[in-house]
């Protein structure tokens, strides 16, 4: 069962996904750690994209930190 914070993270990611999908990519919630780190997985054009680090830090992470209390960082899980 997902916590309220995890539900909030997923809701924010759902807002972001269409923008990534428009460029052939996607993002998926993996888990939220107790220290506030959100772990995500990227797909499609996002994999290996030179802009993914800035997309995550300036886009996804900034929005999550702003909208979900307790989020401290977003990390992309490597397969």
N, C-alpha and C. Protein backbone atom coordinates (compact mmCIF):
# COMPACT_ATOMS: atom_id res chain seq x y z
N UNK A 1 0.85 -1.19 0.00
CA UNK A 1 0.00 0.00 0.00
C UNK A 1 0.89 1.25 0.00
N UNK A 2 0.56 2.19 -0.85
CA UNK A 2 1.35 3.40 -0.98
C UNK A 2 0.99 4.41 0.11
N UNK A 3 2.00 5.12 0.58
CA UNK A 3 1.76 6.17 1.56
C UNK A 3 1.18 7.39 0.87
N UNK A 4 0.67 8.30 1.67
CA UNK A 4 0.13 9.55 1.13
C UNK A 4 1.21 10.32 0.35
N UNK A 5 2.44 10.34 0.88
CA UNK A 5 3.53 11.03 0.18
C UNK A 5 3.82 10.38 -1.16
N UNK A 6 3.83 9.04 -1.20
CA UNK A 6 4.07 8.34 -2.46
C UNK A 6 2.96 8.66 -3.47
N UNK A 7 1.73 8.72 -2.99
CA UNK A 7 0.61 9.08 -3.88
C UNK A 7 0.79 10.48 -4.44
N UNK A 8 1.25 11.41 -3.61
CA UNK A 8 1.50 12.77 -4.08
C UNK A 8 2.60 12.80 -5.13
N UNK A 9 3.67 12.03 -4.90
CA UNK A 9 4.77 11.95 -5.86
C UNK A 9 4.25 11.41 -7.19
N UNK A 10 3.48 10.34 -7.14
CA UNK A 10 2.94 9.74 -8.36
C UNK A 10 2.04 10.73 -9.09
N UNK A 11 1.22 11.48 -8.36
CA UNK A 11 0.35 12.48 -8.98
C UNK A 11 1.17 13.54 -9.72
N UNK A 12 2.26 14.00 -9.11
CA UNK A 12 3.12 15.00 -9.77
C UNK A 12 3.79 14.40 -11.00
N UNK A 13 4.27 13.17 -10.88
CA UNK A 13 4.90 12.52 -12.03
C UNK A 13 3.91 12.36 -13.19
N UNK A 14 2.65 12.10 -12.85
CA UNK A 14 1.63 11.97 -13.90
C UNK A 14 1.44 13.29 -14.66
N UNK A 15 1.65 14.41 -13.98
CA UNK A 15 1.58 15.72 -14.65
C UNK A 15 2.75 15.93 -15.60
N UNK A 16 3.91 15.38 -15.24
CA UNK A 16 5.14 15.58 -16.01
C UNK A 16 5.24 14.63 -17.20
N UNK A 17 4.71 13.43 -17.05
CA UNK A 17 4.88 12.39 -18.06
C UNK A 17 4.50 12.81 -19.48
N UNK A 18 3.41 13.53 -19.70
CA UNK A 18 3.07 13.90 -21.08
C UNK A 18 4.16 14.72 -21.78
N UNK A 19 4.88 15.54 -21.03
CA UNK A 19 5.96 16.34 -21.63
C UNK A 19 7.13 15.45 -22.05
N UNK A 20 7.44 14.47 -21.22
CA UNK A 20 8.51 13.53 -21.57
C UNK A 20 8.07 12.63 -22.73
N UNK A 21 6.81 12.20 -22.69
CA UNK A 21 6.29 11.34 -23.74
C UNK A 21 6.27 12.05 -25.09
N UNK A 22 6.04 13.34 -25.08
CA UNK A 22 6.02 14.12 -26.32
C UNK A 22 7.37 14.03 -27.03
N UNK A 23 8.45 13.87 -26.24
CA UNK A 23 9.79 13.75 -26.82
C UNK A 23 10.25 12.30 -26.92
N UNK A 24 9.32 11.36 -26.73
CA UNK A 24 9.64 9.95 -26.88
C UNK A 24 10.18 9.28 -25.64
N UNK A 25 10.09 9.94 -24.49
CA UNK A 25 10.58 9.37 -23.24
C UNK A 25 9.45 9.11 -22.26
N UNK A 26 9.82 8.68 -21.08
CA UNK A 26 8.83 8.47 -20.02
C UNK A 26 9.56 8.31 -18.69
N UNK A 27 8.82 8.45 -17.60
CA UNK A 27 9.37 8.31 -16.26
C UNK A 27 8.37 7.50 -15.43
N UNK A 28 8.91 6.70 -14.51
CA UNK A 28 8.08 5.84 -13.67
C UNK A 28 8.59 5.92 -12.23
N UNK A 29 7.66 6.03 -11.29
CA UNK A 29 7.99 6.00 -9.87
C UNK A 29 8.44 4.60 -9.49
N UNK A 30 9.54 4.50 -8.74
CA UNK A 30 10.02 3.21 -8.24
C UNK A 30 9.75 3.12 -6.74
N UNK A 31 10.27 4.10 -5.99
CA UNK A 31 10.05 4.09 -4.54
C UNK A 31 10.46 5.44 -3.95
N UNK A 32 10.02 5.65 -2.71
CA UNK A 32 10.45 6.81 -1.95
C UNK A 32 11.15 6.30 -0.71
N UNK A 33 12.35 6.79 -0.47
CA UNK A 33 13.12 6.35 0.69
C UNK A 33 12.81 7.25 1.89
N UNK A 34 13.12 6.76 3.07
CA UNK A 34 12.82 7.49 4.31
C UNK A 34 13.51 8.84 4.38
N UNK A 35 14.66 8.98 3.71
CA UNK A 35 15.39 10.25 3.74
C UNK A 35 14.85 11.28 2.75
N UNK A 36 13.75 10.96 2.08
CA UNK A 36 13.13 11.90 1.15
C UNK A 36 13.55 11.75 -0.29
N UNK A 37 14.45 10.82 -0.55
CA UNK A 37 14.85 10.57 -1.94
C UNK A 37 13.74 9.85 -2.69
N UNK A 38 13.47 10.33 -3.89
CA UNK A 38 12.52 9.67 -4.77
C UNK A 38 13.33 8.97 -5.86
N UNK A 39 13.08 7.69 -6.02
CA UNK A 39 13.78 6.90 -7.03
C UNK A 39 12.82 6.71 -8.21
N UNK A 40 13.31 7.06 -9.40
CA UNK A 40 12.50 6.91 -10.62
C UNK A 40 13.29 6.09 -11.63
N UNK A 41 12.57 5.60 -12.62
CA UNK A 41 13.18 4.90 -13.75
C UNK A 41 12.74 5.66 -15.00
N UNK A 42 13.66 5.82 -15.95
CA UNK A 42 13.32 6.49 -17.20
C UNK A 42 13.31 5.48 -18.34
N UNK A 43 12.54 5.80 -19.38
CA UNK A 43 12.36 4.90 -20.52
C UNK A 43 12.47 5.66 -21.83
N UNK A 44 12.54 4.91 -22.90
CA UNK A 44 12.49 5.48 -24.24
C UNK A 44 13.65 6.41 -24.51
N UNK A 45 13.32 7.55 -25.10
CA UNK A 45 14.34 8.52 -25.49
C UNK A 45 15.10 9.09 -24.30
N UNK A 46 14.55 8.96 -23.10
CA UNK A 46 15.24 9.48 -21.90
C UNK A 46 16.48 8.66 -21.56
N UNK A 47 16.47 7.39 -21.94
CA UNK A 47 17.61 6.51 -21.64
C UNK A 47 18.78 6.94 -22.52
N UNK A 48 19.86 7.30 -21.88
CA UNK A 48 21.05 7.71 -22.62
C UNK A 48 21.01 9.13 -23.16
N UNK A 49 19.94 9.86 -22.89
CA UNK A 49 19.82 11.24 -23.38
C UNK A 49 20.78 12.14 -22.60
N UNK A 50 21.48 12.99 -23.31
CA UNK A 50 22.44 13.88 -22.65
C UNK A 50 21.76 14.92 -21.77
N UNK A 51 20.49 15.17 -21.99
CA UNK A 51 19.77 16.18 -21.21
C UNK A 51 19.02 15.61 -20.01
N UNK A 52 19.08 14.29 -19.80
CA UNK A 52 18.27 13.71 -18.74
C UNK A 52 18.65 14.22 -17.35
N UNK A 53 19.93 14.44 -17.10
CA UNK A 53 20.33 14.94 -15.78
C UNK A 53 19.70 16.29 -15.49
N UNK A 54 19.74 17.20 -16.46
CA UNK A 54 19.14 18.52 -16.24
C UNK A 54 17.62 18.43 -16.23
N UNK A 55 17.05 17.53 -17.02
CA UNK A 55 15.59 17.34 -17.00
C UNK A 55 15.15 16.88 -15.63
N UNK A 56 15.88 15.93 -15.06
CA UNK A 56 15.52 15.43 -13.73
C UNK A 56 15.72 16.51 -12.67
N UNK A 57 16.88 17.15 -12.64
CA UNK A 57 17.18 18.13 -11.59
C UNK A 57 16.34 19.40 -11.72
N UNK A 58 16.27 19.96 -12.91
CA UNK A 58 15.60 21.24 -13.09
C UNK A 58 14.09 21.11 -13.29
N UNK A 59 13.66 19.95 -13.71
CA UNK A 59 12.24 19.75 -13.96
C UNK A 59 11.57 18.90 -12.91
N UNK A 60 11.84 17.61 -12.96
CA UNK A 60 11.17 16.65 -12.10
C UNK A 60 11.48 16.91 -10.62
N UNK A 61 12.76 17.01 -10.27
CA UNK A 61 13.13 17.21 -8.87
C UNK A 61 12.61 18.54 -8.34
N UNK A 62 12.77 19.60 -9.10
CA UNK A 62 12.32 20.92 -8.64
C UNK A 62 10.81 20.93 -8.37
N UNK A 63 10.05 20.32 -9.26
CA UNK A 63 8.60 20.28 -9.09
C UNK A 63 8.21 19.42 -7.90
N UNK A 64 8.85 18.26 -7.75
CA UNK A 64 8.53 17.40 -6.62
C UNK A 64 8.88 18.06 -5.29
N UNK A 65 10.04 18.69 -5.20
CA UNK A 65 10.42 19.38 -3.96
C UNK A 65 9.43 20.49 -3.64
N UNK A 66 8.98 21.19 -4.67
CA UNK A 66 8.04 22.29 -4.48
C UNK A 66 6.65 21.80 -4.07
N UNK A 67 6.21 20.67 -4.61
CA UNK A 67 4.82 20.24 -4.42
C UNK A 67 4.61 19.14 -3.39
N UNK A 68 5.67 18.42 -3.03
CA UNK A 68 5.50 17.30 -2.09
C UNK A 68 6.42 17.50 -0.89
N UNK A 69 5.84 17.75 0.29
CA UNK A 69 6.65 17.96 1.48
C UNK A 69 7.50 16.72 1.78
N UNK A 70 8.76 16.95 2.09
CA UNK A 70 9.63 15.84 2.46
C UNK A 70 10.52 15.32 1.36
N UNK A 71 10.20 15.65 0.10
CA UNK A 71 11.07 15.22 -0.99
C UNK A 71 12.34 16.05 -0.95
N UNK A 72 13.49 15.36 -0.99
CA UNK A 72 14.78 16.05 -0.91
C UNK A 72 15.59 15.93 -2.19
N UNK A 73 15.34 14.88 -2.97
CA UNK A 73 16.17 14.62 -4.14
C UNK A 73 15.48 13.59 -5.02
N UNK A 74 15.79 13.62 -6.31
CA UNK A 74 15.29 12.61 -7.24
C UNK A 74 16.50 11.91 -7.86
N UNK A 75 16.48 10.60 -7.81
CA UNK A 75 17.57 9.77 -8.34
C UNK A 75 17.00 8.87 -9.43
N UNK A 76 17.72 8.78 -10.55
CA UNK A 76 17.33 7.87 -11.62
C UNK A 76 17.97 6.52 -11.34
N UNK A 77 17.13 5.49 -11.24
CA UNK A 77 17.63 4.14 -11.01
C UNK A 77 18.19 3.59 -12.31
N UNK A 78 19.39 3.07 -12.22
CA UNK A 78 20.03 2.44 -13.38
C UNK A 78 19.69 0.96 -13.38
N UNK A 79 19.42 0.43 -14.57
CA UNK A 79 19.13 -1.02 -14.67
C UNK A 79 20.37 -1.84 -14.54
